[in-house]
Amino acid sequence: MSFLLQHGYTRSTLDIPKVDREEYWCDAICQEYVKLDCNVDSESAFRGSVRGGVGLAKLRFSEVLADPQHVKRDKKLIAHSTEEDFLISFQLSQEGFVRQGGREAHLKRGSFSLYDSTEPYTLSFNKPFHQLIIQMPKEVLRQHLLEPERYTAVCIDGQQGIGAVLSNFILSLAQELNTVPNMCEDLSDNLLNMIAMAYSSSVRFNQTTDNSLLQDSLRKKVLRFIENNLAEPDLNNQKIADSQGISLRYLQKLFEGQEQSLHQLVLDKRLQKAQQILLDKQQNLSSIEQIAYRCGFNSYAHFSRSFKKHFGLSPSELRE
């Protein structure tokens, strides 16, 4: 097997002593993607290569050719990371498993799945495999697909329907990226629209309201308002409803069936904002209590408990 991507840099275990390959490989994929734990068969002469450094607007393309392995990203690794990305893995050979949010995607050749770097996940490969990965900031995909988090670890079949169209498009694009201008945003937008279409048309949810473009648009406005007002301690459902000129009852109906309640969504976004500030060395002069209040918490004790429950360690432990 060979790489589809015709340019970029390559990291490989080929010239690495066998006893050092597992450590080298873990470092290589952490540098290319996000902080991860990786386990390989230490009894075998592990082989792995990753090609990266290939971009299209705000999308990053990479490829992995490697022997069997198990990759995990847990809450502690997330707590020490600043990346907020979505990743999409396209299975080019053999099979793989993506697990996140209580779901499991069994990827076979041609299929693909989405996962979120800000939530725990595992990737498992029982045989040598080949994958193409597209990585992007979360806000980029959100401009095309409403609440992408609902679709993580959901497998899209690349052998039929829009999934097949998208898989074929991706394969062609990967081989021609070296001839495409890096900042070709129109092509990037078209790709993201196809990804959004694949999920919205192929995945079936028991949510009748999701079929309305008007309601989708309103949900996006609500989420944008929340993002822009996280520092307000009195940000609640009534205030959110008032900002959009809708009733509290309609707001609640708008978010029925979602994985998170609005209250939990606001809390998680505040915690993620606090985590970013705590990891920012330029903010070291701010006390943890000041940061909590800046993120909309009106109780330091509540902030500290919620932070440890969400990330697996306390705010002070994160700062150490």
C-alpha atoms as a PDB file:
ATOM      1  CA  MET A   1       0.000   0.000   0.000  1.00  0.00           C
ATOM      2  CA  SER A   2       1.098   3.568  -0.658  1.00  0.00           C
ATOM      3  CA  PHE A   3      -0.090   7.013   0.367  1.00  0.00           C
ATOM      4  CA  LEU A   4      -2.812   8.801  -1.600  1.00  0.00           C
ATOM      5  CA  LEU A   5      -1.487  12.221  -0.575  1.00  0.00           C
ATOM      6  CA  GLN A   6       1.225  13.142  -3.044  1.00  0.00           C
ATOM      7  CA  HIS A   7       3.022  15.713  -0.890  1.00  0.00           C
ATOM      8  CA  GLY A   8       3.590  16.627   2.758  1.00  0.00           C
ATOM      9  CA  TYR A   9       5.992  15.239   5.364  1.00  0.00           C
ATOM     10  CA  THR A  10       6.190  11.607   6.484  1.00  0.00           C
ATOM     11  CA  ARG A  11       6.983  10.154   9.900  1.00  0.00           C
ATOM     12  CA  SER A  12       7.794   6.449   9.862  1.00  0.00           C
ATOM     13  CA  THR A  13       9.081   3.735  12.190  1.00  0.00           C
ATOM     14  CA  LEU A  14      11.046   2.197   9.298  1.00  0.00           C
ATOM     15  CA  ASP A  15      14.461   3.428  10.474  1.00  0.00           C
ATOM     16  CA  ILE A  16      13.670   3.332  14.203  1.00  0.00           C
ATOM     17  CA  PRO A  17      15.098   0.499  16.371  1.00  0.00           C
ATOM     18  CA  LYS A  18      12.392  -2.045  17.175  1.00  0.00           C
ATOM     19  CA  VAL A  19      12.574  -1.425  20.931  1.00  0.00           C
ATOM     20  CA  ASP A  20      11.888   2.295  20.416  1.00  0.00           C
ATOM     21  CA  ARG A  21       9.117   2.063  17.846  1.00  0.00           C
ATOM     22  CA  GLU A  22       6.094   2.154  20.157  1.00  0.00           C
ATOM     23  CA  GLU A  23       7.292   5.320  21.912  1.00  0.00           C
ATOM     24  CA  TYR A  24       8.259   6.930  18.606  1.00  0.00           C
ATOM     25  CA  TRP A  25       4.897   6.097  17.074  1.00  0.00           C
ATOM     26  CA  CYS A  26       2.918   7.470  19.999  1.00  0.00           C
ATOM     27  CA  ASP A  27       4.894  10.734  19.803  1.00  0.00           C
ATOM     28  CA  ALA A  28       4.352  10.901  16.043  1.00  0.00           C
ATOM     29  CA  ILE A  29       0.569  10.589  16.170  1.00  0.00           C
ATOM     30  CA  CYS A  30       0.334  12.959  19.144  1.00  0.00           C
ATOM     31  CA  GLN A  31       2.230  15.590  17.156  1.00  0.00           C
ATOM     32  CA  GLU A  32       0.063  15.044  14.099  1.00  0.00           C
ATOM     33  CA  TYR A  33      -3.337  14.924  15.831  1.00  0.00           C
ATOM     34  CA  VAL A  34      -3.999  15.436  19.552  1.00  0.00           C
ATOM     35  CA  LYS A  35      -2.605  14.009  22.792  1.00  0.00           C
ATOM     36  CA  LEU A  36      -3.291  10.264  22.818  1.00  0.00           C
ATOM     37  CA  ASP A  37      -2.359   7.008  24.523  1.00  0.00           C
ATOM     38  CA  CYS A  38      -1.391   4.305  22.054  1.00  0.00           C
ATOM     39  CA  ASN A  39      -0.845   0.587  22.655  1.00  0.00           C
ATOM     40  CA  VAL A  40       0.691  -1.730  20.063  1.00  0.00           C
ATOM     41  CA  ASP A  41       1.811  -5.362  20.090  1.00  0.00           C
ATOM     42  CA  SER A  42       5.193  -5.082  21.809  1.00  0.00           C
ATOM     43  CA  GLU A  43       6.080  -8.638  20.753  1.00  0.00           C
ATOM     44  CA  SER A  44       6.109  -7.769  17.046  1.00  0.00           C
ATOM     45  CA  ALA A  45       8.224  -5.407  14.980  1.00  0.00           C
ATOM     46  CA  PHE A  46       5.595  -2.671  14.783  1.00  0.00           C
ATOM     47  CA  ARG A  47       5.410  -0.697  11.546  1.00  0.00           C
ATOM     48  CA  GLY A  48       3.670   2.620  11.121  1.00  0.00           C
ATOM     49  CA  SER A  49       3.814   5.670   8.868  1.00  0.00           C
ATOM     50  CA  VAL A  50       1.863   8.912   8.974  1.00  0.00           C
ATOM     51  CA  ARG A  51       1.834  11.558   6.249  1.00  0.00           C
ATOM     52  CA  GLY A  52       0.709  15.071   7.170  1.00  0.00           C
ATOM     53  CA  GLY A  53       1.259  18.730   6.472  1.00  0.00           C
ATOM     54  CA  VAL A  54      -1.405  18.830   3.753  1.00  0.00           C
ATOM     55  CA  GLY A  55      -4.033  21.554   3.991  1.00  0.00           C
ATOM     56  CA  LEU A  56      -7.081  22.880   2.199  1.00  0.00           C
ATOM     57  CA  ALA A  57      -8.285  26.188   3.670  1.00  0.00           C
ATOM     58  CA  LYS A  58      -8.935  25.316   7.344  1.00  0.00           C
ATOM     59  CA  LEU A  59      -8.967  21.549   6.759  1.00  0.00           C
ATOM     60  CA  ARG A  60      -5.934  19.377   7.525  1.00  0.00           C
ATOM     61  CA  PHE A  61      -5.445  16.104   5.665  1.00  0.00           C
ATOM     62  CA  SER A  62      -3.287  13.202   6.800  1.00  0.00           C
ATOM     63  CA  GLU A  63      -2.889   9.487   6.204  1.00  0.00           C
ATOM     64  CA  VAL A  64      -1.960   6.543   8.391  1.00  0.00           C
ATOM     65  CA  LEU A  65      -0.552   3.196   7.271  1.00  0.00           C
ATOM     66  CA  ALA A  66       0.094   1.061  10.338  1.00  0.00           C
ATOM     67  CA  ASP A  67      -0.013  -2.264  12.130  1.00  0.00           C
ATOM     68  CA  PRO A  68      -2.732  -3.150  14.700  1.00  0.00           C
ATOM     69  CA  GLN A  69      -3.085  -0.764  17.639  1.00  0.00           C
ATOM     70  CA  HIS A  70      -5.468   0.646  20.225  1.00  0.00           C
ATOM     71  CA  VAL A  71      -5.639   4.438  20.653  1.00  0.00           C
ATOM     72  CA  LYS A  72      -7.343   6.227  23.551  1.00  0.00           C
ATOM     73  CA  ARG A  73      -8.025   9.851  24.449  1.00  0.00           C
ATOM     74  CA  ASP A  74      -9.333  10.295  27.989  1.00  0.00           C
ATOM     75  CA  LYS A  75     -10.470  13.205  30.153  1.00  0.00           C
ATOM     76  CA  LYS A  76      -7.028  13.860  31.623  1.00  0.00           C
ATOM     77  CA  LEU A  77      -5.428  14.163  28.196  1.00  0.00           C
ATOM     78  CA  ILE A  78      -8.275  16.431  27.100  1.00  0.00           C
ATOM     79  CA  ALA A  79      -7.820  18.624  30.182  1.00  0.00           C
ATOM     80  CA  HIS A  80      -4.209  19.316  29.192  1.00  0.00           C
ATOM     81  CA  SER A  81      -5.095  20.114  25.586  1.00  0.00           C
ATOM     82  CA  THR A  82      -6.294  23.256  23.883  1.00  0.00           C
ATOM     83  CA  GLU A  83      -7.394  21.671  20.599  1.00  0.00           C
ATOM     84  CA  GLU A  84     -11.103  21.811  19.811  1.00  0.00           C
ATOM     85  CA  ASP A  85     -11.371  19.815  16.615  1.00  0.00           C
ATOM     86  CA  PHE A  86     -13.547  17.357  14.787  1.00  0.00           C
ATOM     87  CA  LEU A  87     -11.835  14.511  12.957  1.00  0.00           C
ATOM     88  CA  ILE A  88     -13.240  12.300  10.216  1.00  0.00           C
ATOM     89  CA  SER A  89     -11.580   8.950   9.512  1.00  0.00           C
ATOM     90  CA  PHE A  90     -12.054   7.351   6.081  1.00  0.00           C
ATOM     91  CA  GLN A  91     -11.230   3.644   6.115  1.00  0.00           C
ATOM     92  CA  LEU A  92      -9.175   2.840   3.002  1.00  0.00           C
ATOM     93  CA  SER A  93      -8.365  -0.785   3.840  1.00  0.00           C
ATOM     94  CA  GLN A  94      -9.271  -3.483   6.383  1.00  0.00           C
ATOM     95  CA  GLU A  95     -11.464  -2.271   9.263  1.00  0.00           C
ATOM     96  CA  GLY A  96     -11.454  -0.128  12.377  1.00  0.00           C
ATOM     97  CA  PHE A  97     -13.661   0.836  15.314  1.00  0.00           C
ATOM     98  CA  VAL A  98     -14.469   4.326  16.608  1.00  0.00           C
ATOM     99  CA  ARG A  99     -16.085   4.539  20.056  1.00  0.00           C
ATOM    100  CA  GLN A 100     -17.401   7.763  21.564  1.00  0.00           C
ATOM    101  CA  GLY A 101     -20.409   8.886  23.568  1.00  0.00           C
ATOM    102  CA  GLY A 102     -21.686   5.352  24.115  1.00  0.00           C
ATOM    103  CA  ARG A 103     -21.731   4.615  20.367  1.00  0.00           C
ATOM    104  CA  GLU A 104     -19.515   2.420  18.216  1.00  0.00           C
ATOM    105  CA  ALA A 105     -18.827   2.820  14.504  1.00  0.00           C
ATOM    106  CA  HIS A 106     -17.544  -0.285  12.730  1.00  0.00           C
ATOM    107  CA  LEU A 107     -15.602   1.081   9.779  1.00  0.00           C
ATOM    108  CA  LYS A 108     -15.139  -1.111   6.742  1.00  0.00           C
ATOM    109  CA  ARG A 109     -13.397  -0.198   3.510  1.00  0.00           C
ATOM    110  CA  GLY A 110     -14.924   2.978   2.071  1.00  0.00           C
ATOM    111  CA  SER A 111     -16.886   3.945   5.200  1.00  0.00           C
ATOM    112  CA  PHE A 112     -16.142   6.843   7.525  1.00  0.00           C
ATOM    113  CA  SER A 113     -16.942   8.254  10.950  1.00  0.00           C
ATOM    114  CA  LEU A 114     -16.746  11.537  12.835  1.00  0.00           C
ATOM    115  CA  TYR A 115     -15.284  12.049  16.321  1.00  0.00           C
ATOM    116  CA  ASP A 116     -14.739  14.973  18.685  1.00  0.00           C
ATOM    117  CA  SER A 117     -11.338  15.795  20.225  1.00  0.00           C
ATOM    118  CA  THR A 118     -12.955  17.465  23.264  1.00  0.00           C
ATOM    119  CA  GLU A 119     -14.654  14.252  24.423  1.00  0.00           C
ATOM    120  CA  PRO A 120     -13.124  10.848  25.295  1.00  0.00           C
ATOM    121  CA  TYR A 121     -12.846   8.339  22.457  1.00  0.00           C
ATOM    122  CA  THR A 122     -11.043   5.159  21.426  1.00  0.00           C
ATOM    123  CA  LEU A 123      -9.853   3.904  18.048  1.00  0.00           C
ATOM    124  CA  SER A 124      -9.165   0.190  17.595  1.00  0.00           C
ATOM    125  CA  PHE A 125      -7.539  -1.672  14.711  1.00  0.00           C
ATOM    126  CA  ASN A 126      -7.083  -5.438  14.860  1.00  0.00           C
ATOM    127  CA  LYS A 127      -5.262  -5.763  11.533  1.00  0.00           C
ATOM    128  CA  PRO A 128      -2.841  -3.616   9.516  1.00  0.00           C
ATOM    129  CA  PHE A 129      -4.885  -0.714   8.167  1.00  0.00           C
ATOM    130  CA  HIS A 130      -4.906   2.386   5.988  1.00  0.00           C
ATOM    131  CA  GLN A 131      -6.891   5.530   6.856  1.00  0.00           C
ATOM    132  CA  LEU A 132      -7.282   9.047   5.517  1.00  0.00           C
ATOM    133  CA  ILE A 133      -8.090  11.610   8.232  1.00  0.00           C
ATOM    134  CA  ILE A 134      -9.550  15.094   7.854  1.00  0.00           C
ATOM    135  CA  GLN A 135      -9.170  17.358  10.892  1.00  0.00           C
ATOM    136  CA  MET A 136     -10.841  20.746  11.338  1.00  0.00           C
ATOM    137  CA  PRO A 137     -11.696  23.307  14.045  1.00  0.00           C
ATOM    138  CA  LYS A 138     -15.102  22.559  15.539  1.00  0.00           C
ATOM    139  CA  GLU A 139     -16.579  25.901  14.494  1.00  0.00           C
ATOM    140  CA  VAL A 140     -15.758  25.137  10.838  1.00  0.00           C
ATOM    141  CA  LEU A 141     -17.959  22.028  10.702  1.00  0.00           C
ATOM    142  CA  ARG A 142     -20.672  23.708  12.787  1.00  0.00           C
ATOM    143  CA  GLN A 143     -21.140  26.242   9.985  1.00  0.00           C
ATOM    144  CA  HIS A 144     -22.318  23.387   7.766  1.00  0.00           C
ATOM    145  CA  LEU A 145     -23.794  20.753  10.106  1.00  0.00           C
ATOM    146  CA  LEU A 146     -26.034  21.530  13.066  1.00  0.00           C
ATOM    147  CA  GLU A 147     -24.696  20.071  16.325  1.00  0.00           C
ATOM    148  CA  PRO A 148     -22.143  17.670  14.840  1.00  0.00           C
ATOM    149  CA  GLU A 149     -21.655  16.121  18.291  1.00  0.00           C
ATOM    150  CA  ARG A 150     -24.855  14.118  17.727  1.00  0.00           C
ATOM    151  CA  TYR A 151     -23.204  12.274  14.853  1.00  0.00           C
ATOM    152  CA  THR A 152     -19.931  11.182  16.482  1.00  0.00           C
ATOM    153  CA  ALA A 153     -19.086   7.470  16.228  1.00  0.00           C
ATOM    154  CA  VAL A 154     -21.819   7.005  13.622  1.00  0.00           C
ATOM    155  CA  CYS A 155     -20.686   5.034  10.579  1.00  0.00           C
ATOM    156  CA  ILE A 156     -21.585   6.268   7.098  1.00  0.00           C
ATOM    157  CA  ASP A 157     -21.508   3.541   4.455  1.00  0.00           C
ATOM    158  CA  GLY A 158     -19.185   4.515   1.625  1.00  0.00           C
ATOM    159  CA  GLN A 159     -20.545   1.864  -0.730  1.00  0.00           C
ATOM    160  CA  GLN A 160     -23.926   3.398  -1.512  1.00  0.00           C
ATOM    161  CA  GLY A 161     -25.862   6.657  -1.721  1.00  0.00           C
ATOM    162  CA  ILE A 162     -24.340  10.002  -0.793  1.00  0.00           C
ATOM    163  CA  GLY A 163     -21.725   8.150   1.287  1.00  0.00           C
ATOM    164  CA  ALA A 164     -20.372   6.515  -1.869  1.00  0.00           C
ATOM    165  CA  VAL A 165     -20.387   9.838  -3.725  1.00  0.00           C
ATOM    166  CA  LEU A 166     -18.468  11.478  -0.882  1.00  0.00           C
ATOM    167  CA  SER A 167     -15.950   8.631  -0.545  1.00  0.00           C
ATOM    168  CA  ASN A 168     -15.157   8.736  -4.259  1.00  0.00           C
ATOM    169  CA  PHE A 169     -14.827  12.513  -4.119  1.00  0.00           C
ATOM    170  CA  ILE A 170     -12.463  12.288  -1.135  1.00  0.00           C
ATOM    171  CA  LEU A 171     -10.265   9.696  -2.851  1.00  0.00           C
ATOM    172  CA  SER A 172      -9.950  11.854  -5.966  1.00  0.00           C
ATOM    173  CA  LEU A 173      -9.364  15.022  -3.964  1.00  0.00           C
ATOM    174  CA  ALA A 174      -6.645  13.432  -1.811  1.00  0.00           C
ATOM    175  CA  GLN A 175      -4.673  12.421  -4.883  1.00  0.00           C
ATOM    176  CA  GLU A 176      -4.944  15.884  -6.444  1.00  0.00           C
ATOM    177  CA  LEU A 177      -4.452  18.112  -3.387  1.00  0.00           C
ATOM    178  CA  ASN A 178      -0.900  18.915  -4.479  1.00  0.00           C
ATOM    179  CA  THR A 179      -2.371  20.667  -7.545  1.00  0.00           C
ATOM    180  CA  VAL A 180      -5.058  22.581  -5.611  1.00  0.00           C
ATOM    181  CA  PRO A 181      -4.329  26.022  -4.067  1.00  0.00           C
ATOM    182  CA  ASN A 182      -4.080  25.675  -0.278  1.00  0.00           C
ATOM    183  CA  MET A 183      -6.586  28.485   0.342  1.00  0.00           C
ATOM    184  CA  CYS A 184      -9.277  27.179  -2.030  1.00  0.00           C
ATOM    185  CA  GLU A 185     -12.190  27.860   0.325  1.00  0.00           C
ATOM    186  CA  ASP A 186     -14.868  27.109  -2.289  1.00  0.00           C
ATOM    187  CA  LEU A 187     -13.618  23.532  -2.632  1.00  0.00           C
ATOM    188  CA  SER A 188     -13.358  23.201   1.148  1.00  0.00           C
ATOM    189  CA  ASP A 189     -16.938  24.461   1.563  1.00  0.00           C
ATOM    190  CA  ASN A 190     -18.192  22.012  -1.062  1.00  0.00           C
ATOM    191  CA  LEU A 191     -16.511  19.136   0.756  1.00  0.00           C
ATOM    192  CA  LEU A 192     -17.996  20.201   4.105  1.00  0.00           C
ATOM    193  CA  ASN A 193     -21.446  20.544   2.543  1.00  0.00           C
ATOM    194  CA  MET A 194     -21.166  16.994   1.191  1.00  0.00           C
ATOM    195  CA  ILE A 195     -20.119  15.711   4.624  1.00  0.00           C
ATOM    196  CA  ALA A 196     -23.094  17.481   6.208  1.00  0.00           C
ATOM    197  CA  MET A 197     -25.414  16.071   3.545  1.00  0.00           C
ATOM    198  CA  ALA A 198     -24.090  12.548   4.103  1.00  0.00           C
ATOM    199  CA  TYR A 199     -24.892  12.709   7.800  1.00  0.00           C
ATOM    200  CA  SER A 200     -28.203  14.550   7.594  1.00  0.00           C
ATOM    201  CA  SER A 201     -29.549  12.266   4.843  1.00  0.00           C
ATOM    202  CA  SER A 202     -28.140   8.929   6.003  1.00  0.00           C
ATOM    203  CA  VAL A 203     -28.608   9.074   9.770  1.00  0.00           C
ATOM    204  CA  ARG A 204     -32.120   8.577  11.127  1.00  0.00           C
ATOM    205  CA  PHE A 205     -33.055  10.154  14.463  1.00  0.00           C
ATOM    206  CA  ASN A 206     -36.421  10.133  16.221  1.00  0.00           C
ATOM    207  CA  GLN A 207     -36.609  13.905  16.143  1.00  0.00           C
ATOM    208  CA  THR A 208     -39.396  15.296  14.005  1.00  0.00           C
ATOM    209  CA  THR A 209     -38.352  18.929  14.485  1.00  0.00           C
ATOM    210  CA  ASP A 210     -34.950  18.376  12.847  1.00  0.00           C
ATOM    211  CA  ASN A 211     -36.542  18.365   9.391  1.00  0.00           C
ATOM    212  CA  SER A 212     -37.273  22.072   9.519  1.00  0.00           C
ATOM    213  CA  LEU A 213     -34.624  24.385   8.092  1.00  0.00           C
ATOM    214  CA  LEU A 214     -36.202  27.248  10.024  1.00  0.00           C
ATOM    215  CA  GLN A 215     -35.772  25.422  13.317  1.00  0.00           C
ATOM    216  CA  ASP A 216     -32.210  24.465  12.401  1.00  0.00           C
ATOM    217  CA  SER A 217     -31.427  28.106  11.744  1.00  0.00           C
ATOM    218  CA  LEU A 218     -32.982  29.170  15.044  1.00  0.00           C
ATOM    219  CA  ARG A 219     -30.992  26.568  16.967  1.00  0.00           C
ATOM    220  CA  LYS A 220     -27.804  27.936  15.431  1.00  0.00           C
ATOM    221  CA  LYS A 221     -28.751  31.440  16.588  1.00  0.00           C
ATOM    222  CA  VAL A 222     -29.418  30.166  20.100  1.00  0.00           C
ATOM    223  CA  LEU A 223     -26.027  28.445  20.238  1.00  0.00           C
ATOM    224  CA  ARG A 224     -24.317  31.595  18.953  1.00  0.00           C
ATOM    225  CA  PHE A 225     -26.050  33.696  21.631  1.00  0.00           C
ATOM    226  CA  ILE A 226     -24.893  31.271  24.322  1.00  0.00           C
ATOM    227  CA  GLU A 227     -21.281  31.395  23.069  1.00  0.00           C
ATOM    228  CA  ASN A 228     -21.326  35.205  23.136  1.00  0.00           C
ATOM    229  CA  ASN A 229     -22.824  35.478  26.633  1.00  0.00           C
ATOM    230  CA  LEU A 230     -21.053  32.805  28.679  1.00  0.00           C
ATOM    231  CA  ALA A 231     -19.626  35.441  31.034  1.00  0.00           C
ATOM    232  CA  GLU A 232     -23.125  36.464  32.150  1.00  0.00           C
ATOM    233  CA  PRO A 233     -23.907  34.636  35.435  1.00  0.00           C
ATOM    234  CA  ASP A 234     -27.652  35.114  34.904  1.00  0.00           C
ATOM    235  CA  LEU A 235     -27.626  33.367  31.524  1.00  0.00           C
ATOM    236  CA  ASN A 236     -30.592  30.997  31.799  1.00  0.00           C
ATOM    237  CA  ASN A 237     -33.241  29.455  29.576  1.00  0.00           C
ATOM    238  CA  GLN A 238     -35.628  32.386  29.998  1.00  0.00           C
ATOM    239  CA  LYS A 239     -32.981  34.912  29.011  1.00  0.00           C
ATOM    240  CA  ILE A 240     -32.030  32.790  26.003  1.00  0.00           C
ATOM    241  CA  ALA A 241     -35.668  32.527  24.918  1.00  0.00           C
ATOM    242  CA  ASP A 242     -36.173  36.285  25.334  1.00  0.00           C
ATOM    243  CA  SER A 243     -33.104  37.007  23.201  1.00  0.00           C
ATOM    244  CA  GLN A 244     -34.676  35.125  20.284  1.00  0.00           C
ATOM    245  CA  GLY A 245     -38.207  36.433  20.785  1.00  0.00           C
ATOM    246  CA  ILE A 246     -39.637  32.982  21.488  1.00  0.00           C
ATOM    247  CA  SER A 247     -41.399  31.425  24.455  1.00  0.00           C
ATOM    248  CA  LEU A 248     -39.587  29.316  27.015  1.00  0.00           C
ATOM    249  CA  ARG A 249     -41.786  26.376  26.048  1.00  0.00           C
ATOM    250  CA  TYR A 250     -40.831  26.689  22.370  1.00  0.00           C
ATOM    251  CA  LEU A 251     -37.133  26.948  23.263  1.00  0.00           C
ATOM    252  CA  GLN A 252     -37.389  23.728  25.247  1.00  0.00           C
ATOM    253  CA  LYS A 253     -39.207  22.019  22.374  1.00  0.00           C
ATOM    254  CA  LEU A 254     -36.514  23.232  19.987  1.00  0.00           C
ATOM    255  CA  PHE A 255     -33.895  21.283  21.929  1.00  0.00           C
ATOM    256  CA  GLU A 256     -35.992  18.224  22.761  1.00  0.00           C
ATOM    257  CA  GLY A 257     -34.196  14.941  22.152  1.00  0.00           C
ATOM    258  CA  GLN A 258     -30.727  16.476  22.148  1.00  0.00           C
ATOM    259  CA  GLU A 259     -27.952  14.702  24.043  1.00  0.00           C
ATOM    260  CA  GLN A 260     -27.549  17.660  26.395  1.00  0.00           C
ATOM    261  CA  SER A 261     -30.039  19.908  28.087  1.00  0.00           C
ATOM    262  CA  LEU A 262     -29.533  23.631  27.540  1.00  0.00           C
ATOM    263  CA  HIS A 263     -28.408  23.976  31.146  1.00  0.00           C
ATOM    264  CA  GLN A 264     -25.749  21.293  30.687  1.00  0.00           C
ATOM    265  CA  LEU A 265     -24.673  22.774  27.368  1.00  0.00           C
ATOM    266  CA  VAL A 266     -24.074  26.189  28.963  1.00  0.00           C
ATOM    267  CA  LEU A 267     -22.180  24.581  31.848  1.00  0.00           C
ATOM    268  CA  ASP A 268     -19.935  22.563  29.523  1.00  0.00           C
ATOM    269  CA  LYS A 269     -19.124  25.589  27.388  1.00  0.00           C
ATOM    270  CA  ARG A 270     -18.220  27.610  30.491  1.00  0.00           C
ATOM    271  CA  LEU A 271     -15.951  24.820  31.707  1.00  0.00           C
ATOM    272  CA  GLN A 272     -14.249  24.581  28.316  1.00  0.00           C
ATOM    273  CA  LYS A 273     -13.685  28.341  28.312  1.00  0.00           C
ATOM    274  CA  ALA A 274     -12.215  28.187  31.829  1.00  0.00           C
ATOM    275  CA  GLN A 275      -9.948  25.329  30.760  1.00  0.00           C
ATOM    276  CA  GLN A 276      -8.597  27.402  27.862  1.00  0.00           C
ATOM    277  CA  ILE A 277      -7.822  30.330  30.171  1.00  0.00           C
ATOM    278  CA  LEU A 278      -6.156  28.094  32.766  1.00  0.00           C
ATOM    279  CA  LEU A 279      -3.872  26.629  30.089  1.00  0.00           C
ATOM    280  CA  ASP A 280      -2.974  30.075  28.743  1.00  0.00           C
ATOM    281  CA  LYS A 281       0.382  31.041  30.287  1.00  0.00           C
ATOM    282  CA  GLN A 282      -0.395  34.721  29.660  1.00  0.00           C
ATOM    283  CA  GLN A 283      -3.276  34.412  32.143  1.00  0.00           C
ATOM    284  CA  ASN A 284      -1.123  33.184  35.054  1.00  0.00           C
ATOM    285  CA  LEU A 285      -1.669  36.410  37.003  1.00  0.00           C
ATOM    286  CA  SER A 286      -5.404  35.725  37.169  1.00  0.00           C
ATOM    287  CA  SER A 287      -6.475  33.639  40.137  1.00  0.00           C
ATOM    288  CA  ILE A 288      -8.583  30.543  39.571  1.00  0.00           C
ATOM    289  CA  GLU A 289     -11.459  32.232  41.381  1.00  0.00           C
ATOM    290  CA  GLN A 290     -11.245  35.257  39.052  1.00  0.00           C
ATOM    291  CA  ILE A 291     -11.292  32.959  36.044  1.00  0.00           C
ATOM    292  CA  ALA A 292     -14.368  31.171  37.387  1.00  0.00           C
ATOM    293  CA  TYR A 293     -16.260  34.454  37.685  1.00  0.00           C
ATOM    294  CA  ARG A 294     -15.094  35.582  34.226  1.00  0.00           C
ATOM    295  CA  CYS A 295     -16.641  32.413  32.805  1.00  0.00           C
ATOM    296  CA  GLY A 296     -20.047  33.088  34.349  1.00  0.00           C
ATOM    297  CA  PHE A 297     -19.829  31.063  37.561  1.00  0.00           C
ATOM    298  CA  ASN A 298     -21.127  32.839  40.657  1.00  0.00           C
ATOM    299  CA  SER A 299     -19.855  30.166  43.050  1.00  0.00           C
ATOM    300  CA  TYR A 300     -16.213  29.107  43.144  1.00  0.00           C
ATOM    301  CA  ALA A 301     -17.103  25.868  44.958  1.00  0.00           C
ATOM    302  CA  HIS A 302     -19.605  24.931  42.247  1.00  0.00           C
ATOM    303  CA  PHE A 303     -17.040  25.742  39.566  1.00  0.00           C
ATOM    304  CA  SER A 304     -14.355  23.610  41.210  1.00  0.00           C
ATOM    305  CA  ARG A 305     -16.666  20.601  41.684  1.00  0.00           C
ATOM    306  CA  SER A 306     -18.023  20.836  38.138  1.00  0.00           C
ATOM    307  CA  PHE A 307     -14.541  21.236  36.650  1.00  0.00           C
ATOM    308  CA  LYS A 308     -13.172  18.141  38.389  1.00  0.00           C
ATOM    309  CA  LYS A 309     -16.226  16.087  37.429  1.00  0.00           C
ATOM    310  CA  HIS A 310     -15.916  17.136  33.776  1.00  0.00           C
ATOM    311  CA  PHE A 311     -12.139  16.917  33.286  1.00  0.00           C
ATOM    312  CA  GLY A 312     -11.084  14.419  35.955  1.00  0.00           C
ATOM    313  CA  LEU A 313      -8.813  16.843  37.801  1.00  0.00           C
ATOM    314  CA  SER A 314      -9.215  20.090  39.713  1.00  0.00           C
ATOM    315  CA  PRO A 315      -8.477  23.557  38.260  1.00  0.00           C
ATOM    316  CA  SER A 316      -5.388  23.879  40.461  1.00  0.00           C
ATOM    317  CA  GLU A 317      -4.110  20.463  39.334  1.00  0.00           C
ATOM    318  CA  LEU A 318      -4.489  21.537  35.718  1.00  0.00           C
ATOM    319  CA  ARG A 319      -2.423  24.655  36.347  1.00  0.00           C
ATOM    320  CA  GLU A 320       0.452  22.823  38.021  1.00  0.00           C
END
